[in-house]
Amino acid sequence: MSSAPRPSHAPVRAALSRTEPFHSVEEAWFWTMAALIARRDGARIVAGRGLVQRPCEPDDVVKCLDRLYRQRRVELAHARILRLWGERGTAPDPRVPRERGDWTLWREAMTRLDWPLRVKGIVAGGLGGGSAPAVMVLPFPEAGQ
């Protein structure tokens, strides 16, 4: 028996100084969903092979979402909306009446996912220095409508 250490099968990540964090939590989520869709369709995801080297793997973002779910900070409805709109590659539009409910869940999930991704260096910006979530004032219908 050899006492030599066993080789690691974990992927080697690029040095953090050469990686480019995402500008927003939405950008990180759409990248994650694109990678997961590609993996589902048979692509082999290899760290450090993309045009831009990221400070994470797609599974790291999913693990952050899973942790929020286990902490009851997001619900299954949030995850369902993130998957649905992530597969579409666009966020719901609050100006479209049928998408307003989805937009509310989307914003809640994005707001709650922002902090863990910033702590891990996946999303750029200082802790607590992130931009405020987008807010849209929706008009109330007139009485009698």
N, C-alpha and C. Protein backbone atom coordinates (compact mmCIF):
# COMPACT_ATOMS: atom_id res chain seq x y z
N MET A 1 0.83 -1.18 0.00
CA MET A 1 0.00 0.00 0.00
C MET A 1 0.87 1.24 0.00
N SER A 2 0.53 2.16 -0.84
CA SER A 2 1.27 3.40 -0.93
C SER A 2 0.66 4.43 0.01
N SER A 3 1.50 5.24 0.62
CA SER A 3 1.00 6.28 1.51
C SER A 3 0.89 7.62 0.80
N ALA A 4 1.03 7.61 -0.52
CA ALA A 4 0.93 8.85 -1.29
C ALA A 4 -0.52 9.33 -1.25
N PRO A 5 -0.73 10.65 -1.21
CA PRO A 5 -2.09 11.18 -1.18
C PRO A 5 -2.83 10.84 -2.48
N ARG A 6 -4.10 10.62 -2.34
CA ARG A 6 -4.94 10.31 -3.49
C ARG A 6 -5.19 11.58 -4.29
N PRO A 7 -5.20 11.48 -5.60
CA PRO A 7 -5.45 12.69 -6.40
C PRO A 7 -6.89 13.17 -6.19
N SER A 8 -7.04 14.44 -6.20
CA SER A 8 -8.37 15.03 -6.05
C SER A 8 -9.09 15.03 -7.39
N HIS A 9 -10.34 14.73 -7.34
CA HIS A 9 -11.16 14.74 -8.55
C HIS A 9 -12.00 16.00 -8.64
N ALA A 10 -11.83 16.90 -7.71
CA ALA A 10 -12.59 18.15 -7.74
C ALA A 10 -12.01 19.06 -8.81
N PRO A 11 -12.87 19.81 -9.50
CA PRO A 11 -12.36 20.72 -10.53
C PRO A 11 -11.51 21.82 -9.91
N VAL A 12 -10.48 22.21 -10.62
CA VAL A 12 -9.60 23.28 -10.16
C VAL A 12 -10.23 24.60 -10.57
N ARG A 13 -10.40 25.49 -9.61
CA ARG A 13 -10.98 26.80 -9.90
C ARG A 13 -9.89 27.79 -10.23
N ALA A 14 -10.22 28.73 -11.06
CA ALA A 14 -9.26 29.77 -11.42
C ALA A 14 -8.94 30.62 -10.19
N ALA A 15 -7.75 31.18 -10.18
CA ALA A 15 -7.38 32.06 -9.08
C ALA A 15 -8.38 33.20 -9.01
N LEU A 16 -8.78 33.57 -7.79
CA LEU A 16 -9.81 34.60 -7.63
C LEU A 16 -9.42 35.92 -8.28
N SER A 17 -8.12 36.21 -8.38
CA SER A 17 -7.70 37.47 -8.97
C SER A 17 -7.98 37.51 -10.47
N ARG A 18 -8.15 36.35 -11.10
CA ARG A 18 -8.41 36.30 -12.54
C ARG A 18 -9.87 36.10 -12.85
N THR A 19 -10.70 36.03 -11.85
CA THR A 19 -12.12 35.80 -12.09
C THR A 19 -12.87 37.12 -12.13
N GLU A 20 -14.00 37.10 -12.77
CA GLU A 20 -14.84 38.29 -12.87
C GLU A 20 -16.19 38.00 -12.24
N PRO A 21 -16.47 38.63 -11.10
CA PRO A 21 -17.78 38.41 -10.47
C PRO A 21 -18.89 39.02 -11.32
N PHE A 22 -20.09 38.59 -11.05
CA PHE A 22 -21.24 39.12 -11.77
C PHE A 22 -21.56 40.52 -11.27
N HIS A 23 -22.18 41.31 -12.12
CA HIS A 23 -22.56 42.68 -11.75
C HIS A 23 -23.83 42.72 -10.93
N SER A 24 -24.68 41.70 -11.07
CA SER A 24 -25.95 41.67 -10.34
C SER A 24 -26.34 40.24 -10.05
N VAL A 25 -27.25 40.10 -9.11
CA VAL A 25 -27.75 38.78 -8.77
C VAL A 25 -28.54 38.19 -9.95
N GLU A 26 -29.23 39.04 -10.70
CA GLU A 26 -29.97 38.55 -11.87
C GLU A 26 -29.02 38.00 -12.93
N GLU A 27 -27.90 38.68 -13.16
CA GLU A 27 -26.92 38.19 -14.12
C GLU A 27 -26.38 36.83 -13.69
N ALA A 28 -26.10 36.68 -12.39
CA ALA A 28 -25.63 35.40 -11.87
C ALA A 28 -26.68 34.32 -12.05
N TRP A 29 -27.95 34.68 -11.82
CA TRP A 29 -29.02 33.67 -11.94
C TRP A 29 -29.20 33.24 -13.40
N PHE A 30 -29.21 34.17 -14.32
CA PHE A 30 -29.39 33.81 -15.74
C PHE A 30 -28.21 32.97 -16.23
N TRP A 31 -26.99 33.28 -15.79
CA TRP A 31 -25.82 32.48 -16.14
C TRP A 31 -25.96 31.07 -15.58
N THR A 32 -26.40 30.99 -14.33
CA THR A 32 -26.60 29.68 -13.70
C THR A 32 -27.61 28.86 -14.46
N MET A 33 -28.74 29.45 -14.80
CA MET A 33 -29.79 28.71 -15.51
C MET A 33 -29.32 28.29 -16.90
N ALA A 34 -28.58 29.15 -17.59
CA ALA A 34 -28.06 28.78 -18.91
C ALA A 34 -27.13 27.58 -18.80
N ALA A 35 -26.28 27.58 -17.76
CA ALA A 35 -25.36 26.46 -17.56
C ALA A 35 -26.12 25.19 -17.20
N LEU A 36 -27.14 25.30 -16.36
CA LEU A 36 -27.92 24.12 -15.98
C LEU A 36 -28.69 23.56 -17.17
N ILE A 37 -29.22 24.43 -18.01
CA ILE A 37 -29.93 23.98 -19.22
C ILE A 37 -28.95 23.29 -20.16
N ALA A 38 -27.77 23.88 -20.33
CA ALA A 38 -26.75 23.26 -21.19
C ALA A 38 -26.34 21.89 -20.64
N ARG A 39 -26.18 21.79 -19.33
CA ARG A 39 -25.82 20.51 -18.71
C ARG A 39 -26.93 19.49 -18.94
N ARG A 40 -28.17 19.91 -18.76
CA ARG A 40 -29.31 19.01 -18.98
C ARG A 40 -29.35 18.51 -20.42
N ASP A 41 -28.93 19.37 -21.34
CA ASP A 41 -28.93 19.01 -22.76
C ASP A 41 -27.68 18.25 -23.19
N GLY A 42 -26.80 17.94 -22.23
CA GLY A 42 -25.65 17.10 -22.53
C GLY A 42 -24.30 17.78 -22.58
N ALA A 43 -24.23 19.08 -22.37
CA ALA A 43 -22.95 19.78 -22.39
C ALA A 43 -22.15 19.42 -21.14
N ARG A 44 -20.86 19.41 -21.27
CA ARG A 44 -19.98 19.16 -20.13
C ARG A 44 -19.47 20.51 -19.64
N ILE A 45 -19.81 20.85 -18.42
CA ILE A 45 -19.41 22.12 -17.84
C ILE A 45 -18.03 21.92 -17.20
N VAL A 46 -17.04 22.71 -17.65
CA VAL A 46 -15.68 22.60 -17.14
C VAL A 46 -15.25 23.98 -16.66
N ALA A 47 -14.76 24.04 -15.44
CA ALA A 47 -14.33 25.31 -14.85
C ALA A 47 -13.19 25.92 -15.65
N GLY A 48 -13.26 27.25 -15.83
CA GLY A 48 -12.17 27.98 -16.47
C GLY A 48 -12.14 27.88 -17.98
N ARG A 49 -13.15 27.31 -18.60
CA ARG A 49 -13.15 27.15 -20.05
C ARG A 49 -13.99 28.19 -20.79
N GLY A 50 -14.73 29.03 -20.09
CA GLY A 50 -15.59 30.01 -20.73
C GLY A 50 -14.80 31.24 -21.16
N LEU A 51 -15.48 32.14 -21.84
CA LEU A 51 -14.85 33.38 -22.26
C LEU A 51 -14.48 34.25 -21.06
N VAL A 52 -15.31 34.20 -20.03
CA VAL A 52 -15.07 34.94 -18.80
C VAL A 52 -15.00 33.92 -17.67
N GLN A 53 -13.95 34.00 -16.86
CA GLN A 53 -13.83 33.08 -15.73
C GLN A 53 -14.61 33.64 -14.56
N ARG A 54 -15.51 32.84 -14.03
CA ARG A 54 -16.36 33.26 -12.92
C ARG A 54 -15.84 32.71 -11.60
N PRO A 55 -16.17 33.37 -10.49
CA PRO A 55 -15.67 32.92 -9.18
C PRO A 55 -16.47 31.77 -8.58
N CYS A 56 -17.26 31.09 -9.39
CA CYS A 56 -18.11 30.03 -8.86
C CYS A 56 -18.47 29.05 -9.95
N GLU A 57 -19.14 28.00 -9.54
CA GLU A 57 -19.76 27.04 -10.44
C GLU A 57 -21.26 27.28 -10.37
N PRO A 58 -22.02 26.86 -11.38
CA PRO A 58 -23.48 27.04 -11.31
C PRO A 58 -24.08 26.43 -10.03
N ASP A 59 -23.54 25.31 -9.60
CA ASP A 59 -24.07 24.65 -8.40
C ASP A 59 -23.87 25.50 -7.14
N ASP A 60 -22.88 26.38 -7.12
CA ASP A 60 -22.68 27.25 -5.96
C ASP A 60 -23.85 28.21 -5.79
N VAL A 61 -24.37 28.73 -6.89
CA VAL A 61 -25.52 29.64 -6.83
C VAL A 61 -26.76 28.85 -6.38
N VAL A 62 -26.92 27.65 -6.91
CA VAL A 62 -28.06 26.81 -6.53
C VAL A 62 -27.98 26.46 -5.05
N LYS A 63 -26.78 26.21 -4.54
CA LYS A 63 -26.62 25.89 -3.12
C LYS A 63 -27.02 27.07 -2.24
N CYS A 64 -26.72 28.28 -2.69
CA CYS A 64 -27.15 29.47 -1.93
C CYS A 64 -28.67 29.55 -1.88
N LEU A 65 -29.31 29.28 -3.00
CA LEU A 65 -30.77 29.29 -3.04
C LEU A 65 -31.33 28.18 -2.15
N ASP A 66 -30.72 27.00 -2.20
CA ASP A 66 -31.16 25.89 -1.37
C ASP A 66 -31.04 26.23 0.11
N ARG A 67 -29.95 26.87 0.48
CA ARG A 67 -29.78 27.26 1.89
C ARG A 67 -30.88 28.24 2.31
N LEU A 68 -31.21 29.20 1.44
CA LEU A 68 -32.30 30.13 1.75
C LEU A 68 -33.62 29.39 1.92
N TYR A 69 -33.83 28.38 1.10
CA TYR A 69 -35.06 27.58 1.20
C TYR A 69 -35.09 26.82 2.54
N ARG A 70 -33.97 26.20 2.91
CA ARG A 70 -33.93 25.45 4.17
C ARG A 70 -34.06 26.38 5.38
N GLN A 71 -33.65 27.64 5.22
CA GLN A 71 -33.82 28.63 6.29
C GLN A 71 -35.20 29.28 6.24
N ARG A 72 -36.03 28.85 5.31
CA ARG A 72 -37.39 29.39 5.12
C ARG A 72 -37.39 30.87 4.77
N ARG A 73 -36.33 31.30 4.06
CA ARG A 73 -36.26 32.68 3.58
C ARG A 73 -36.89 32.81 2.20
N VAL A 74 -36.93 31.70 1.45
CA VAL A 74 -37.67 31.63 0.19
C VAL A 74 -38.53 30.38 0.23
N GLU A 75 -39.58 30.39 -0.56
CA GLU A 75 -40.51 29.27 -0.61
C GLU A 75 -40.41 28.59 -1.97
N LEU A 76 -41.11 27.47 -2.09
CA LEU A 76 -41.12 26.77 -3.37
C LEU A 76 -41.65 27.65 -4.50
N ALA A 77 -42.59 28.53 -4.18
CA ALA A 77 -43.13 29.43 -5.21
C ALA A 77 -42.03 30.32 -5.77
N HIS A 78 -41.12 30.79 -4.90
CA HIS A 78 -39.99 31.61 -5.37
C HIS A 78 -39.11 30.79 -6.31
N ALA A 79 -38.76 29.58 -5.89
CA ALA A 79 -37.89 28.73 -6.71
C ALA A 79 -38.54 28.41 -8.05
N ARG A 80 -39.84 28.18 -8.04
CA ARG A 80 -40.56 27.87 -9.28
C ARG A 80 -40.49 29.05 -10.25
N ILE A 81 -40.69 30.26 -9.73
CA ILE A 81 -40.63 31.47 -10.56
C ILE A 81 -39.21 31.69 -11.07
N LEU A 82 -38.21 31.47 -10.22
CA LEU A 82 -36.82 31.63 -10.67
C LEU A 82 -36.50 30.64 -11.79
N ARG A 83 -36.95 29.40 -11.65
CA ARG A 83 -36.69 28.40 -12.70
C ARG A 83 -37.41 28.78 -13.99
N LEU A 84 -38.70 29.11 -13.87
CA LEU A 84 -39.51 29.42 -15.05
C LEU A 84 -38.93 30.59 -15.85
N TRP A 85 -38.68 31.70 -15.17
CA TRP A 85 -38.18 32.89 -15.85
C TRP A 85 -36.69 32.77 -16.18
N GLY A 86 -35.96 32.00 -15.38
CA GLY A 86 -34.56 31.74 -15.69
C GLY A 86 -34.42 30.96 -16.99
N GLU A 87 -35.31 29.99 -17.21
CA GLU A 87 -35.29 29.24 -18.47
C GLU A 87 -35.65 30.14 -19.65
N ARG A 88 -36.49 31.12 -19.41
CA ARG A 88 -36.85 32.06 -20.48
C ARG A 88 -35.74 33.07 -20.74
N GLY A 89 -34.87 33.25 -19.76
CA GLY A 89 -33.75 34.18 -19.92
C GLY A 89 -34.13 35.64 -19.76
N THR A 90 -35.23 35.89 -19.10
CA THR A 90 -35.68 37.26 -18.87
C THR A 90 -36.45 37.32 -17.56
N ALA A 91 -36.50 38.49 -16.96
CA ALA A 91 -37.26 38.68 -15.73
C ALA A 91 -38.70 39.02 -16.07
N PRO A 92 -39.63 38.69 -15.19
CA PRO A 92 -41.02 39.09 -15.43
C PRO A 92 -41.15 40.61 -15.47
N ASP A 93 -42.12 41.09 -16.23
CA ASP A 93 -42.34 42.53 -16.40
C ASP A 93 -43.53 42.95 -15.54
N PRO A 94 -43.32 43.81 -14.55
CA PRO A 94 -44.43 44.19 -13.68
C PRO A 94 -45.49 45.03 -14.38
N ARG A 95 -45.18 45.55 -15.57
CA ARG A 95 -46.16 46.34 -16.31
C ARG A 95 -47.19 45.46 -17.02
N VAL A 96 -46.87 44.17 -17.14
CA VAL A 96 -47.79 43.22 -17.77
C VAL A 96 -48.64 42.62 -16.66
N PRO A 97 -49.95 42.83 -16.68
CA PRO A 97 -50.80 42.38 -15.58
C PRO A 97 -50.61 40.91 -15.20
N ARG A 98 -50.45 40.03 -16.18
CA ARG A 98 -50.32 38.59 -15.89
C ARG A 98 -48.97 38.24 -15.26
N GLU A 99 -48.01 39.16 -15.32
CA GLU A 99 -46.67 38.88 -14.79
C GLU A 99 -46.40 39.58 -13.45
N ARG A 100 -47.35 40.37 -12.96
CA ARG A 100 -47.11 41.14 -11.73
C ARG A 100 -46.84 40.25 -10.52
N GLY A 101 -47.62 39.20 -10.36
CA GLY A 101 -47.40 38.28 -9.24
C GLY A 101 -46.05 37.59 -9.33
N ASP A 102 -45.69 37.16 -10.55
CA ASP A 102 -44.38 36.55 -10.75
C ASP A 102 -43.27 37.54 -10.44
N TRP A 103 -43.46 38.79 -10.85
CA TRP A 103 -42.45 39.82 -10.61
C TRP A 103 -42.23 40.02 -9.11
N THR A 104 -43.32 40.01 -8.34
CA THR A 104 -43.20 40.19 -6.90
C THR A 104 -42.35 39.07 -6.29
N LEU A 105 -42.64 37.83 -6.66
CA LEU A 105 -41.87 36.69 -6.16
C LEU A 105 -40.42 36.75 -6.66
N TRP A 106 -40.24 37.15 -7.91
CA TRP A 106 -38.90 37.28 -8.50
C TRP A 106 -38.06 38.27 -7.70
N ARG A 107 -38.63 39.46 -7.43
CA ARG A 107 -37.90 40.51 -6.71
C ARG A 107 -37.57 40.05 -5.29
N GLU A 108 -38.53 39.40 -4.62
CA GLU A 108 -38.27 38.90 -3.27
C GLU A 108 -37.11 37.91 -3.28
N ALA A 109 -37.13 36.97 -4.22
CA ALA A 109 -36.08 35.96 -4.30
C ALA A 109 -34.73 36.60 -4.65
N MET A 110 -34.72 37.53 -5.59
CA MET A 110 -33.47 38.19 -5.98
C MET A 110 -32.90 38.99 -4.81
N THR A 111 -33.75 39.67 -4.08
CA THR A 111 -33.31 40.47 -2.94
C THR A 111 -32.70 39.57 -1.86
N ARG A 112 -33.32 38.43 -1.62
CA ARG A 112 -32.82 37.52 -0.58
C ARG A 112 -31.58 36.75 -1.02
N LEU A 113 -31.42 36.52 -2.32
CA LEU A 113 -30.26 35.81 -2.84
C LEU A 113 -29.05 36.73 -2.98
N ASP A 114 -29.28 38.03 -3.04
CA ASP A 114 -28.21 39.00 -3.25
C ASP A 114 -27.13 38.91 -2.18
N TRP A 115 -27.50 38.95 -0.92
CA TRP A 115 -26.53 38.97 0.18
C TRP A 115 -25.62 37.74 0.17
N PRO A 116 -26.16 36.51 0.13
CA PRO A 116 -25.26 35.35 0.14
C PRO A 116 -24.29 35.33 -1.05
N LEU A 117 -24.74 35.79 -2.21
CA LEU A 117 -23.85 35.79 -3.38
C LEU A 117 -22.77 36.86 -3.24
N ARG A 118 -23.07 37.97 -2.62
CA ARG A 118 -22.06 39.00 -2.37
C ARG A 118 -21.04 38.53 -1.33
N VAL A 119 -21.51 37.87 -0.28
CA VAL A 119 -20.61 37.36 0.76
C VAL A 119 -19.59 36.40 0.15
N LYS A 120 -20.03 35.58 -0.79
CA LYS A 120 -19.15 34.59 -1.41
C LYS A 120 -18.31 35.18 -2.55
N GLY A 121 -18.53 36.45 -2.90
CA GLY A 121 -17.77 37.08 -3.97
C GLY A 121 -18.27 36.72 -5.35
N ILE A 122 -19.45 36.14 -5.44
CA ILE A 122 -20.02 35.76 -6.73
C ILE A 122 -20.59 36.98 -7.44
N VAL A 123 -21.19 37.88 -6.66
CA VAL A 123 -21.71 39.15 -7.19
C VAL A 123 -20.81 40.25 -6.68
N ALA A 124 -20.43 41.17 -7.57
CA ALA A 124 -19.52 42.26 -7.23
C ALA A 124 -20.19 43.26 -6.30
N GLY A 125 -19.36 43.97 -5.61
CA GLY A 125 -19.86 45.02 -4.74
C GLY A 125 -19.62 44.67 -3.29
N GLY A 126 -19.44 45.69 -2.51
CA GLY A 126 -19.20 45.47 -1.09
C GLY A 126 -20.43 44.96 -0.38
N LEU A 127 -20.21 44.38 0.76
CA LEU A 127 -21.32 43.89 1.55
C LEU A 127 -22.14 45.07 2.04
N GLY A 128 -23.41 45.01 1.76
CA GLY A 128 -24.28 46.11 2.14
C GLY A 128 -24.21 47.27 1.16
N GLY A 129 -23.34 47.17 0.18
CA GLY A 129 -23.18 48.25 -0.78
C GLY A 129 -23.90 48.00 -2.08
N GLY A 130 -24.77 47.02 -2.08
CA GLY A 130 -25.48 46.68 -3.30
C GLY A 130 -26.54 47.71 -3.62
N SER A 131 -26.96 47.70 -4.85
CA SER A 131 -28.01 48.64 -5.24
C SER A 131 -29.34 48.15 -4.69
N ALA A 132 -30.21 49.07 -4.44
CA ALA A 132 -31.54 48.72 -3.94
C ALA A 132 -32.32 48.01 -5.03
N PRO A 133 -33.19 47.09 -4.66
CA PRO A 133 -33.97 46.40 -5.67
C PRO A 133 -34.87 47.37 -6.41
N ALA A 134 -35.14 47.03 -7.66
CA ALA A 134 -35.99 47.89 -8.48
C ALA A 134 -37.39 47.97 -7.87
N VAL A 135 -37.95 49.14 -7.88
CA VAL A 135 -39.29 49.35 -7.34
C VAL A 135 -40.11 50.00 -8.42
N MET A 136 -41.32 49.52 -8.58
CA MET A 136 -42.22 50.11 -9.56
C MET A 136 -43.53 50.42 -8.87
N VAL A 137 -44.03 51.62 -9.05
CA VAL A 137 -45.31 52.00 -8.49
C VAL A 137 -46.38 51.60 -9.49
N LEU A 138 -47.29 50.77 -9.02
CA LEU A 138 -48.38 50.30 -9.87
C LEU A 138 -49.64 51.08 -9.53
N PRO A 139 -50.33 51.61 -10.53
CA PRO A 139 -51.53 52.40 -10.24
C PRO A 139 -52.68 51.51 -9.78
N PHE A 140 -53.48 52.05 -8.87
CA PHE A 140 -54.68 51.36 -8.45
C PHE A 140 -55.78 51.64 -9.48
N PRO A 141 -56.64 50.65 -9.75
CA PRO A 141 -57.73 50.91 -10.68
C PRO A 141 -58.71 51.92 -10.07
N GLU A 142 -59.31 52.69 -10.91
CA GLU A 142 -60.30 53.67 -10.46
C GLU A 142 -61.49 52.95 -9.86
N ALA A 143 -62.17 53.62 -8.96
CA ALA A 143 -63.36 53.03 -8.31
C ALA A 143 -64.40 52.72 -9.38
N GLY A 144 -64.99 51.58 -9.27
CA GLY A 144 -66.04 51.19 -10.21
C GLY A 144 -65.53 50.46 -11.43
N GLN A 145 -64.22 50.24 -11.54
CA GLN A 145 -63.67 49.54 -12.71
C GLN A 145 -63.47 48.09 -12.42
